C-alpha atoms as a PDB file:
ATOM      1  CA  MET A   1      -1.134  13.574  18.612  1.00  0.00           C
ATOM      2  CA  GLY A   2      -0.984   9.919  19.515  1.00  0.00           C
ATOM      3  CA  LYS A   3      -4.699   9.370  18.619  1.00  0.00           C
ATOM      4  CA  TYR A   4      -4.209  11.122  15.328  1.00  0.00           C
ATOM      5  CA  ILE A   5      -1.255   8.868  14.280  1.00  0.00           C
ATOM      6  CA  ALA A   6      -3.055   5.657  15.546  1.00  0.00           C
ATOM      7  CA  ARG A   7      -6.144   6.584  13.442  1.00  0.00           C
ATOM      8  CA  ARG A   8      -4.013   7.133  10.368  1.00  0.00           C
ATOM      9  CA  LEU A   9      -2.146   3.979  11.080  1.00  0.00           C
ATOM     10  CA  ALA A  10      -5.392   1.979  11.414  1.00  0.00           C
ATOM     11  CA  TYR A  11      -6.504   3.361   7.935  1.00  0.00           C
ATOM     12  CA  SER A  12      -3.240   2.252   6.467  1.00  0.00           C
ATOM     13  CA  VAL A  13      -3.642  -1.295   7.857  1.00  0.00           C
ATOM     14  CA  ILE A  14      -7.077  -1.603   6.451  1.00  0.00           C
ATOM     15  CA  VAL A  15      -5.955  -0.477   2.989  1.00  0.00           C
ATOM     16  CA  LEU A  16      -3.077  -2.916   3.155  1.00  0.00           C
ATOM     17  CA  PHE A  17      -5.487  -5.681   4.056  1.00  0.00           C
ATOM     18  CA  VAL A  18      -7.845  -4.946   1.145  1.00  0.00           C
ATOM     19  CA  THR A  19      -4.783  -4.640  -1.201  1.00  0.00           C
ATOM     20  CA  SER A  20      -3.479  -7.971  -0.171  1.00  0.00           C
ATOM     21  CA  LEU A  21      -6.983  -9.674  -0.671  1.00  0.00           C
ATOM     22  CA  VAL A  22      -7.255  -8.082  -4.100  1.00  0.00           C
ATOM     23  CA  VAL A  23      -3.710  -9.089  -5.110  1.00  0.00           C
ATOM     24  CA  PHE A  24      -4.162 -12.610  -3.959  1.00  0.00           C
ATOM     25  CA  GLY A  25      -7.528 -12.917  -5.579  1.00  0.00           C
ATOM     26  CA  LEU A  26      -6.232 -11.702  -8.917  1.00  0.00           C
ATOM     27  CA  SER A  27      -3.303 -14.108  -8.701  1.00  0.00           C
ATOM     28  CA  ARG A  28      -5.999 -16.966  -8.560  1.00  0.00           C
ATOM     29  CA  ALA A  29      -8.380 -15.392 -11.067  1.00  0.00           C
ATOM     30  CA  ALA A  30      -6.797 -17.244 -13.939  1.00  0.00           C
ATOM     31  CA  GLY A  31      -7.294 -20.584 -12.253  1.00  0.00           C
ATOM     32  CA  ASP A  32      -4.998 -22.998 -10.459  1.00  0.00           C
ATOM     33  CA  PRO A  33      -1.518 -21.645 -10.598  1.00  0.00           C
ATOM     34  CA  ARG A  34      -0.150 -25.146 -11.208  1.00  0.00           C
ATOM     35  CA  HIS A  35      -1.310 -24.944 -14.841  1.00  0.00           C
ATOM     36  CA  ILE A  36       1.850 -22.748 -15.292  1.00  0.00           C
ATOM     37  CA  PHE A  37       4.137 -25.648 -14.380  1.00  0.00           C
ATOM     38  CA  LEU A  38       2.445 -28.103 -16.767  1.00  0.00           C
ATOM     39  CA  THR A  39       4.531 -29.813 -19.424  1.00  0.00           C
ATOM     40  CA  GLU A  40       4.057 -32.917 -21.486  1.00  0.00           C
ATOM     41  CA  TYR A  41       5.957 -34.777 -18.845  1.00  0.00           C
ATOM     42  CA  THR A  42       4.027 -33.664 -15.899  1.00  0.00           C
ATOM     43  CA  SER A  43       2.436 -36.575 -13.967  1.00  0.00           C
ATOM     44  CA  GLN A  44      -0.377 -36.751 -11.447  1.00  0.00           C
ATOM     45  CA  GLU A  45       2.266 -37.207  -8.711  1.00  0.00           C
ATOM     46  CA  ASP A  46       3.912 -33.931  -9.688  1.00  0.00           C
ATOM     47  CA  TRP A  47       0.440 -32.203  -9.606  1.00  0.00           C
ATOM     48  CA  ASP A  48      -0.351 -33.436  -6.076  1.00  0.00           C
ATOM     49  CA  LEU A  49       3.095 -32.601  -4.920  1.00  0.00           C
ATOM     50  CA  TRP A  50       2.749 -28.992  -6.177  1.00  0.00           C
ATOM     51  CA  GLY A  51      -0.605 -28.832  -4.370  1.00  0.00           C
ATOM     52  CA  GLU A  52       1.041 -29.955  -1.069  1.00  0.00           C
ATOM     53  CA  GLU A  53       4.072 -27.646  -1.499  1.00  0.00           C
ATOM     54  CA  TYR A  54       2.285 -24.497  -2.217  1.00  0.00           C
ATOM     55  CA  GLY A  55      -0.979 -25.198  -0.420  1.00  0.00           C
ATOM     56  CA  LEU A  56      -3.028 -25.215  -3.595  1.00  0.00           C
ATOM     57  CA  ASP A  57      -5.056 -28.216  -2.602  1.00  0.00           C
ATOM     58  CA  LYS A  58      -6.780 -26.334   0.209  1.00  0.00           C
ATOM     59  CA  PRO A  59      -9.729 -23.969   0.152  1.00  0.00           C
ATOM     60  CA  PHE A  60      -9.284 -20.424  -0.990  1.00  0.00           C
ATOM     61  CA  ILE A  61      -9.536 -18.807   2.437  1.00  0.00           C
ATOM     62  CA  VAL A  62      -6.807 -21.250   3.810  1.00  0.00           C
ATOM     63  CA  GLN A  63      -4.571 -20.572   0.854  1.00  0.00           C
ATOM     64  CA  TYR A  64      -4.964 -16.791   1.621  1.00  0.00           C
ATOM     65  CA  GLY A  65      -4.072 -17.316   5.188  1.00  0.00           C
ATOM     66  CA  ILE A  66      -0.964 -19.266   4.379  1.00  0.00           C
ATOM     67  CA  TRP A  67       0.048 -16.730   1.669  1.00  0.00           C
ATOM     68  CA  VAL A  68      -0.366 -13.705   4.094  1.00  0.00           C
ATOM     69  CA  GLY A  69       1.504 -15.616   6.749  1.00  0.00           C
ATOM     70  CA  ASN A  70       4.480 -16.184   4.325  1.00  0.00           C
ATOM     71  CA  ALA A  71       4.194 -12.506   3.040  1.00  0.00           C
ATOM     72  CA  LEU A  72       4.570 -11.116   6.611  1.00  0.00           C
ATOM     73  CA  ARG A  73       7.910 -13.047   6.753  1.00  0.00           C
ATOM     74  CA  GLY A  74       9.019 -11.675   3.461  1.00  0.00           C
ATOM     75  CA  ASP A  75       8.318 -15.025   1.585  1.00  0.00           C
ATOM     76  CA  PHE A  76       6.386 -14.330  -1.634  1.00  0.00           C
ATOM     77  CA  GLY A  77       7.171 -17.669  -3.091  1.00  0.00           C
ATOM     78  CA  THR A  78       9.596 -18.882  -5.753  1.00  0.00           C
ATOM     79  CA  SER A  79       9.998 -16.860  -8.930  1.00  0.00           C
ATOM     80  CA  LEU A  80       8.766 -18.834 -11.830  1.00  0.00           C
ATOM     81  CA  ARG A  81      11.297 -17.344 -14.234  1.00  0.00           C
ATOM     82  CA  ASP A  82      14.499 -17.151 -12.102  1.00  0.00           C
ATOM     83  CA  HIS A  83      13.694 -20.220  -9.817  1.00  0.00           C
ATOM     84  CA  VAL A  84      14.875 -18.350  -6.686  1.00  0.00           C
ATOM     85  CA  ASN A  85      13.057 -16.674  -3.844  1.00  0.00           C
ATOM     86  CA  ALA A  86      10.982 -13.872  -5.189  1.00  0.00           C
ATOM     87  CA  ARG A  87      12.062 -11.655  -2.246  1.00  0.00           C
ATOM     88  CA  LEU A  88      15.685 -11.884  -3.482  1.00  0.00           C
ATOM     89  CA  VAL A  89      14.673 -10.913  -7.029  1.00  0.00           C
ATOM     90  CA  ILE A  90      12.785  -7.841  -5.747  1.00  0.00           C
ATOM     91  CA  GLN A  91      15.657  -6.919  -3.320  1.00  0.00           C
ATOM     92  CA  GLU A  92      18.052  -6.659  -6.311  1.00  0.00           C
ATOM     93  CA  ARG A  93      15.865  -4.017  -7.945  1.00  0.00           C
ATOM     94  CA  ILE A  94      15.001  -1.844  -5.075  1.00  0.00           C
ATOM     95  CA  PRO A  95      18.200   0.362  -5.112  1.00  0.00           C
ATOM     96  CA  ALA A  96      17.732   1.243  -8.712  1.00  0.00           C
ATOM     97  CA  THR A  97      14.237   2.461  -8.200  1.00  0.00           C
ATOM     98  CA  LEU A  98      15.144   4.464  -5.097  1.00  0.00           C
ATOM     99  CA  GLN A  99      17.915   6.086  -6.845  1.00  0.00           C
ATOM    100  CA  LEU A 100      15.699   7.070  -9.749  1.00  0.00           C
ATOM    101  CA  THR A 101      12.894   8.042  -7.429  1.00  0.00           C
ATOM    102  CA  VAL A 102      15.055  10.280  -5.114  1.00  0.00           C
ATOM    103  CA  GLY A 103      16.617  11.995  -8.025  1.00  0.00           C
ATOM    104  CA  SER A 104      13.250  12.720  -9.709  1.00  0.00           C
ATOM    105  CA  PHE A 105      11.898  14.018  -6.440  1.00  0.00           C
ATOM    106  CA  VAL A 106      14.790  16.325  -5.771  1.00  0.00           C
ATOM    107  CA  ILE A 107      14.309  17.707  -9.360  1.00  0.00           C
ATOM    108  CA  ALA A 108      10.648  18.353  -8.727  1.00  0.00           C
ATOM    109  CA  ILE A 109      11.266  20.084  -5.391  1.00  0.00           C
ATOM    110  CA  VAL A 110      14.457  22.201  -6.335  1.00  0.00           C
ATOM    111  CA  VAL A 111      12.865  23.181  -9.723  1.00  0.00           C
ATOM    112  CA  GLY A 112       9.115  23.433  -9.095  1.00  0.00           C
ATOM    113  CA  LEU A 113       8.872  25.091  -5.563  1.00  0.00           C
ATOM    114  CA  PRO A 114      11.173  28.159  -6.202  1.00  0.00           C
ATOM    115  CA  LEU A 115       9.738  28.697  -9.670  1.00  0.00           C
ATOM    116  CA  GLY A 116       6.165  28.545  -8.210  1.00  0.00           C
ATOM    117  CA  VAL A 117       7.071  31.138  -5.578  1.00  0.00           C
ATOM    118  CA  MET A 118       8.662  33.413  -8.188  1.00  0.00           C
ATOM    119  CA  SER A 119       5.769  33.036 -10.604  1.00  0.00           C
ATOM    120  CA  ALA A 120       3.399  34.143  -7.768  1.00  0.00           C
ATOM    121  CA  ILE A 121       5.579  37.038  -6.697  1.00  0.00           C
ATOM    122  CA  LYS A 122       5.905  38.262 -10.403  1.00  0.00           C
ATOM    123  CA  ARG A 123       2.340  37.599 -11.199  1.00  0.00           C
ATOM    124  CA  GLY A 124       1.303  39.024 -14.617  1.00  0.00           C
ATOM    125  CA  THR A 125       5.029  39.435 -15.859  1.00  0.00           C
ATOM    126  CA  ILE A 126       6.720  37.601 -18.726  1.00  0.00           C
ATOM    127  CA  PHE A 127       8.401  35.404 -16.105  1.00  0.00           C
ATOM    128  CA  ASP A 128       4.845  34.352 -14.821  1.00  0.00           C
ATOM    129  CA  TYR A 129       3.704  33.541 -18.304  1.00  0.00           C
ATOM    130  CA  VAL A 130       6.880  31.556 -19.281  1.00  0.00           C
ATOM    131  CA  GLY A 131       6.451  29.613 -15.991  1.00  0.00           C
ATOM    132  CA  ARG A 132       2.874  28.751 -16.459  1.00  0.00           C
ATOM    133  CA  SER A 133       3.444  27.763 -20.012  1.00  0.00           C
ATOM    134  CA  TRP A 134       6.280  25.562 -19.005  1.00  0.00           C
ATOM    135  CA  ALA A 135       4.119  23.975 -16.305  1.00  0.00           C
ATOM    136  CA  LEU A 136       1.261  23.381 -18.711  1.00  0.00           C
ATOM    137  CA  LEU A 137       3.491  21.767 -21.328  1.00  0.00           C
ATOM    138  CA  GLY A 138       5.266  19.690 -18.665  1.00  0.00           C
ATOM    139  CA  GLN A 139       2.012  18.103 -17.422  1.00  0.00           C
ATOM    140  CA  ALA A 140       0.628  17.736 -20.977  1.00  0.00           C
ATOM    141  CA  LEU A 141       3.475  15.749 -22.336  1.00  0.00           C
ATOM    142  CA  PRO A 142       3.264  11.898 -21.734  1.00  0.00           C
ATOM    143  CA  PRO A 143       6.233  10.385 -19.981  1.00  0.00           C
ATOM    144  CA  TYR A 144       6.775   7.751 -22.679  1.00  0.00           C
ATOM    145  CA  TRP A 145       6.788  10.315 -25.467  1.00  0.00           C
ATOM    146  CA  LEU A 146       9.038  12.722 -23.573  1.00  0.00           C
ATOM    147  CA  GLY A 147      11.574   9.910 -22.789  1.00  0.00           C
ATOM    148  CA  VAL A 148      11.610   8.717 -26.380  1.00  0.00           C
ATOM    149  CA  MET A 149      12.127  12.402 -27.591  1.00  0.00           C
ATOM    150  CA  MET A 150      14.966  12.868 -25.078  1.00  0.00           C
ATOM    151  CA  VAL A 151      16.669   9.748 -26.186  1.00  0.00           C
ATOM    152  CA  LEU A 152      16.313  10.769 -29.819  1.00  0.00           C
ATOM    153  CA  LEU A 153      17.678  14.260 -29.156  1.00  0.00           C
ATOM    154  CA  PHE A 154      20.483  13.783 -26.469  1.00  0.00           C
ATOM    155  CA  ALA A 155      21.507  10.243 -27.279  1.00  0.00           C
ATOM    156  CA  VAL A 156      20.964   9.802 -31.017  1.00  0.00           C
ATOM    157  CA  MET A 157      21.252  13.171 -32.558  1.00  0.00           C
ATOM    158  CA  LEU A 158      23.621  14.936 -30.190  1.00  0.00           C
ATOM    159  CA  ASN A 159      25.306  11.863 -28.709  1.00  0.00           C
ATOM    160  CA  TRP A 160      25.727  13.642 -25.226  1.00  0.00           C
ATOM    161  CA  LEU A 161      24.154  11.052 -23.023  1.00  0.00           C
ATOM    162  CA  PRO A 162      23.578   7.244 -23.111  1.00  0.00           C
ATOM    163  CA  SER A 163      20.230   6.122 -24.232  1.00  0.00           C
ATOM    164  CA  GLY A 164      19.441   3.755 -21.331  1.00  0.00           C
ATOM    165  CA  ARG A 165      20.552   1.192 -18.838  1.00  0.00           C
ATOM    166  CA  LYS A 166      22.157   1.707 -15.588  1.00  0.00           C
ATOM    167  CA  GLY A 167      25.766   2.780 -15.369  1.00  0.00           C
ATOM    168  CA  ASP A 168      27.598   5.921 -14.220  1.00  0.00           C
ATOM    169  CA  TRP A 169      25.960   9.340 -13.588  1.00  0.00           C
ATOM    170  CA  THR A 170      25.368   9.975 -17.253  1.00  0.00           C
ATOM    171  CA  HIS A 171      22.980   6.954 -17.444  1.00  0.00           C
ATOM    172  CA  TYR A 172      20.988   8.634 -14.723  1.00  0.00           C
ATOM    173  CA  VAL A 173      20.221  12.019 -16.280  1.00  0.00           C
ATOM    174  CA  LEU A 174      17.649  11.276 -18.882  1.00  0.00           C
ATOM    175  CA  PRO A 175      15.294   8.793 -16.874  1.00  0.00           C
ATOM    176  CA  ALA A 176      15.506  11.196 -13.794  1.00  0.00           C
ATOM    177  CA  VAL A 177      14.608  14.189 -15.856  1.00  0.00           C
ATOM    178  CA  THR A 178      11.903  12.290 -17.696  1.00  0.00           C
ATOM    179  CA  LEU A 179      10.308  11.105 -14.383  1.00  0.00           C
ATOM    180  CA  GLY A 180      10.728  14.473 -12.659  1.00  0.00           C
ATOM    181  CA  TRP A 181       9.571  16.826 -15.454  1.00  0.00           C
ATOM    182  CA  GLY A 182       5.876  16.380 -14.837  1.00  0.00           C
ATOM    183  CA  ALA A 183       6.274  16.335 -11.139  1.00  0.00           C
ATOM    184  CA  ALA A 184       8.226  19.663 -11.174  1.00  0.00           C
ATOM    185  CA  SER A 185       5.439  21.093 -13.365  1.00  0.00           C
ATOM    186  CA  GLY A 186       2.682  20.087 -10.935  1.00  0.00           C
ATOM    187  CA  MET A 187       4.753  21.449  -8.012  1.00  0.00           C
ATOM    188  CA  LEU A 188       5.111  24.763  -9.842  1.00  0.00           C
ATOM    189  CA  ARG A 189       1.408  25.180 -10.483  1.00  0.00           C
ATOM    190  CA  LEU A 190       0.390  24.164  -6.993  1.00  0.00           C
ATOM    191  CA  THR A 191       2.868  26.472  -5.237  1.00  0.00           C
ATOM    192  CA  ARG A 192       1.959  29.408  -7.418  1.00  0.00           C
ATOM    193  CA  SER A 193      -1.798  28.953  -6.774  1.00  0.00           C
ATOM    194  CA  ALA A 194      -1.205  28.512  -3.016  1.00  0.00           C
ATOM    195  CA  MET A 195       1.141  31.567  -2.739  1.00  0.00           C
ATOM    196  CA  LEU A 196      -1.299  33.621  -4.684  1.00  0.00           C
ATOM    197  CA  GLU A 197      -4.148  32.954  -2.274  1.00  0.00           C
ATOM    198  CA  VAL A 198      -1.969  33.731   0.717  1.00  0.00           C
ATOM    199  CA  LEU A 199      -0.462  36.861  -0.837  1.00  0.00           C
ATOM    200  CA  ASP A 200      -4.110  38.292  -1.394  1.00  0.00           C
ATOM    201  CA  SER A 201      -5.144  37.726   2.328  1.00  0.00           C
ATOM    202  CA  GLU A 202      -5.738  40.429   4.736  1.00  0.00           C
ATOM    203  CA  TYR A 203      -2.848  39.795   7.139  1.00  0.00           C
ATOM    204  CA  ILE A 204      -0.390  40.068   4.300  1.00  0.00           C
ATOM    205  CA  LYS A 205      -1.840  43.398   3.294  1.00  0.00           C
ATOM    206  CA  LEU A 206      -1.659  44.519   6.940  1.00  0.00           C
ATOM    207  CA  ALA A 207       2.003  43.488   7.101  1.00  0.00           C
ATOM    208  CA  ARG A 208       2.813  45.418   4.017  1.00  0.00           C
ATOM    209  CA  ALA A 209       0.934  48.432   5.435  1.00  0.00           C
ATOM    210  CA  LYS A 210       2.998  48.179   8.625  1.00  0.00           C
ATOM    211  CA  GLY A 211       6.208  48.408   6.484  1.00  0.00           C
ATOM    212  CA  VAL A 212       7.402  44.831   6.839  1.00  0.00           C
ATOM    213  CA  GLY A 213      10.108  43.907   4.304  1.00  0.00           C
ATOM    214  CA  ASN A 214       9.016  42.161   1.173  1.00  0.00           C
ATOM    215  CA  ASN A 215      11.424  39.277   1.506  1.00  0.00           C
ATOM    216  CA  TRP A 216      10.270  38.785   5.038  1.00  0.00           C
ATOM    217  CA  ILE A 217       6.751  38.700   4.110  1.00  0.00           C
ATOM    218  CA  ILE A 218       7.234  36.238   1.223  1.00  0.00           C
ATOM    219  CA  TRP A 219       9.488  33.696   2.815  1.00  0.00           C
ATOM    220  CA  LYS A 220       8.455  34.074   6.507  1.00  0.00           C
ATOM    221  CA  HIS A 221       4.699  34.630   6.411  1.00  0.00           C
ATOM    222  CA  ALA A 222       3.368  33.768   2.937  1.00  0.00           C
ATOM    223  CA  LEU A 223       5.295  30.616   2.121  1.00  0.00           C
ATOM    224  CA  LYS A 224       4.874  29.197   5.687  1.00  0.00           C
ATOM    225  CA  ASN A 225       1.129  29.373   5.349  1.00  0.00           C
ATOM    226  CA  ALA A 226       1.031  28.309   1.791  1.00  0.00           C
ATOM    227  CA  ILE A 227       3.331  25.270   2.213  1.00  0.00           C
ATOM    228  CA  ILE A 228       0.382  22.903   3.263  1.00  0.00           C
ATOM    229  CA  ALA A 229      -0.718  22.297  -0.310  1.00  0.00           C
ATOM    230  CA  PRO A 230       2.778  21.692  -1.633  1.00  0.00           C
ATOM    231  CA  LEU A 231       3.460  19.520   1.362  1.00  0.00           C
ATOM    232  CA  THR A 232       0.462  17.420   0.510  1.00  0.00           C
ATOM    233  CA  PHE A 233       1.550  17.075  -3.121  1.00  0.00           C
ATOM    234  CA  SER A 234       5.084  16.226  -2.000  1.00  0.00           C
ATOM    235  CA  GLY A 235       3.811  13.166  -0.076  1.00  0.00           C
ATOM    236  CA  LEU A 236       1.607  11.976  -2.952  1.00  0.00           C
ATOM    237  CA  LEU A 237       4.413  12.837  -5.291  1.00  0.00           C
ATOM    238  CA  LEU A 238       7.002  10.723  -3.514  1.00  0.00           C
ATOM    239  CA  GLY A 239       4.649   7.678  -3.463  1.00  0.00           C
ATOM    240  CA  GLY A 240       3.591   8.370  -7.020  1.00  0.00           C
ATOM    241  CA  LEU A 241       7.131   8.513  -8.317  1.00  0.00           C
ATOM    242  CA  MET A 242       7.867   5.177  -6.491  1.00  0.00           C
ATOM    243  CA  THR A 243       4.977   3.506  -8.145  1.00  0.00           C
ATOM    244  CA  GLY A 244       4.982   5.350 -11.427  1.00  0.00           C
ATOM    245  CA  THR A 245       8.366   4.373 -12.712  1.00  0.00           C
ATOM    246  CA  VAL A 246       7.062   1.496 -14.869  1.00  0.00           C
ATOM    247  CA  ILE A 247       6.876   3.630 -18.103  1.00  0.00           C
ATOM    248  CA  THR A 248      10.196   5.365 -17.387  1.00  0.00           C
ATOM    249  CA  GLU A 249      12.111   2.236 -16.447  1.00  0.00           C
ATOM    250  CA  THR A 250      10.726   0.376 -19.490  1.00  0.00           C
ATOM    251  CA  VAL A 251      11.668   3.206 -21.927  1.00  0.00           C
ATOM    252  CA  PHE A 252      15.246   3.519 -20.505  1.00  0.00           C
ATOM    253  CA  SER A 253      15.698  -0.196 -19.687  1.00  0.00           C
ATOM    254  CA  TRP A 254      16.333   0.799 -16.051  1.00  0.00           C
ATOM    255  CA  PRO A 255      16.626  -2.340 -13.858  1.00  0.00           C
ATOM    256  CA  GLY A 256      14.097  -1.216 -11.275  1.00  0.00           C
ATOM    257  CA  LEU A 257      10.880  -2.445  -9.720  1.00  0.00           C
ATOM    258  CA  GLY A 258       8.725  -0.954 -12.472  1.00  0.00           C
ATOM    259  CA  ARG A 259      10.522  -2.908 -15.176  1.00  0.00           C
ATOM    260  CA  LEU A 260      10.515  -6.025 -13.012  1.00  0.00           C
ATOM    261  CA  ALA A 261       6.783  -5.791 -12.685  1.00  0.00           C
ATOM    262  CA  VAL A 262       6.295  -5.527 -16.419  1.00  0.00           C
ATOM    263  CA  GLN A 263       8.647  -8.605 -16.984  1.00  0.00           C
ATOM    264  CA  ALA A 264       6.722 -10.474 -14.332  1.00  0.00           C
ATOM    265  CA  VAL A 265       3.410  -9.746 -16.103  1.00  0.00           C
ATOM    266  CA  TYR A 266       4.944 -11.027 -19.462  1.00  0.00           C
ATOM    267  CA  ASN A 267       6.236 -14.147 -17.782  1.00  0.00           C
ATOM    268  CA  ASN A 268       3.207 -14.892 -15.557  1.00  0.00           C
ATOM    269  CA  ASP A 269       5.519 -14.661 -12.662  1.00  0.00           C
ATOM    270  CA  PHE A 270       2.812 -13.985 -10.022  1.00  0.00           C
ATOM    271  CA  PRO A 271       5.045 -14.495  -6.907  1.00  0.00           C
ATOM    272  CA  VAL A 272       7.246 -11.633  -7.951  1.00  0.00           C
ATOM    273  CA  LEU A 273       4.420  -9.526  -9.275  1.00  0.00           C
ATOM    274  CA  THR A 274       2.541  -9.873  -6.006  1.00  0.00           C
ATOM    275  CA  GLY A 275       5.654  -9.049  -4.032  1.00  0.00           C
ATOM    276  CA  VAL A 276       6.188  -5.867  -5.963  1.00  0.00           C
ATOM    277  CA  VAL A 277       2.600  -4.803  -5.597  1.00  0.00           C
ATOM    278  CA  LEU A 278       2.595  -5.335  -1.811  1.00  0.00           C
ATOM    279  CA  LEU A 279       5.974  -3.559  -1.362  1.00  0.00           C
ATOM    280  CA  VAL A 280       4.908  -0.555  -3.406  1.00  0.00           C
ATOM    281  CA  THR A 281       1.624  -0.407  -1.437  1.00  0.00           C
ATOM    282  CA  VAL A 282       3.467  -0.446   1.817  1.00  0.00           C
ATOM    283  CA  ILE A 283       5.839   2.385   0.649  1.00  0.00           C
ATOM    284  CA  TYR A 284       2.996   4.493  -0.532  1.00  0.00           C
ATOM    285  CA  LEU A 285       1.056   4.024   2.714  1.00  0.00           C
ATOM    286  CA  SER A 286       4.181   4.849   4.699  1.00  0.00           C
ATOM    287  CA  VAL A 287       4.774   8.101   2.835  1.00  0.00           C
ATOM    288  CA  ASN A 288       1.118   9.057   3.262  1.00  0.00           C
ATOM    289  CA  LEU A 289       1.375   8.412   7.024  1.00  0.00           C
ATOM    290  CA  LEU A 290       4.504  10.495   7.239  1.00  0.00           C
ATOM    291  CA  THR A 291       2.821  13.271   5.349  1.00  0.00           C
ATOM    292  CA  ASP A 292      -0.272  13.215   7.743  1.00  0.00           C
ATOM    293  CA  VAL A 293       2.229  13.498  10.654  1.00  0.00           C
ATOM    294  CA  LEU A 294       3.925  16.511   9.025  1.00  0.00           C
ATOM    295  CA  TYR A 295       0.501  18.075   8.593  1.00  0.00           C
ATOM    296  CA  ALA A 296      -0.088  17.912  12.338  1.00  0.00           C
ATOM    297  CA  LEU A 297       3.388  19.463  12.938  1.00  0.00           C
ATOM    298  CA  VAL A 298       2.980  22.221  10.502  1.00  0.00           C
ATOM    299  CA  ASP A 299      -0.552  23.088  11.288  1.00  0.00           C
ATOM    300  CA  PRO A 300      -1.753  21.850  14.797  1.00  0.00           C
ATOM    301  CA  ARG A 301      -5.359  22.636  13.827  1.00  0.00           C
ATOM    302  CA  ILE A 302      -5.445  19.560  11.596  1.00  0.00           C
ATOM    303  CA  ARG A 303      -5.156  17.247  14.764  1.00  0.00           C
ATOM    304  CA  LEU A 304      -8.479  18.578  15.992  1.00  0.00           C
ATOM    305  CA  ASN A 305     -10.328  17.554  12.823  1.00  0.00           C
END
């Protein structure tokens, strides 16, 4: 078990290193970052001072080393828009994104998993056809279109819910449902297919022949063996929801990391942008590592491979 976790952790470190190298390279792709500060009043002394302060007068590999050292301490530089430490700007947006991500994840699990099980149990019935149609529709609708339509219906036409921004629980409903809709649809389809495969296996037929109760077969034997695929999807889903809030947060003016990243791109605020990218990468890798550990706990055979 220890070697399994160590191997997965080593993979995560390699991915994080490659990501940091790519992010730093892209931040320098447009040229010397000092050009962003240039004004008609900039002097040569200012130019040289910026080079010494940010290490921009040194070779690329040395700049990367300095940047990595600062990033490991949580120092991504000074925001070019807010003129404060980029880490402080990012910290202010984390709770809003976590709130939206957790809510959407709960919607995906609570809605998608039971409906997937029920759709598999009632295979070929009207319930199955409705569930499959809803799943297909949920995955086909783009989040930005769904968000705009929900705002138009529930905020503009019916005036039931606010159209955006962060406030009380009513502001939370539309963005959480928009972000969790497609995730719940994917969970439903994956759970249904995994359950159908297990329900058609020989040991389930043997259990039925022995007179084991239907509920016991479904929730004890079938779901336990079919949970690997939904568990895999859940790990990827949680990381995907965290990194995929850009569109939803932009549509609903939600003050999270996704909207901050968009604003950083518009303002050429690369210290904030690189900080957001690295933070999201660490979160995604951590969730994947946790999922790998859960694999080994649910099915010990995975450790042997």
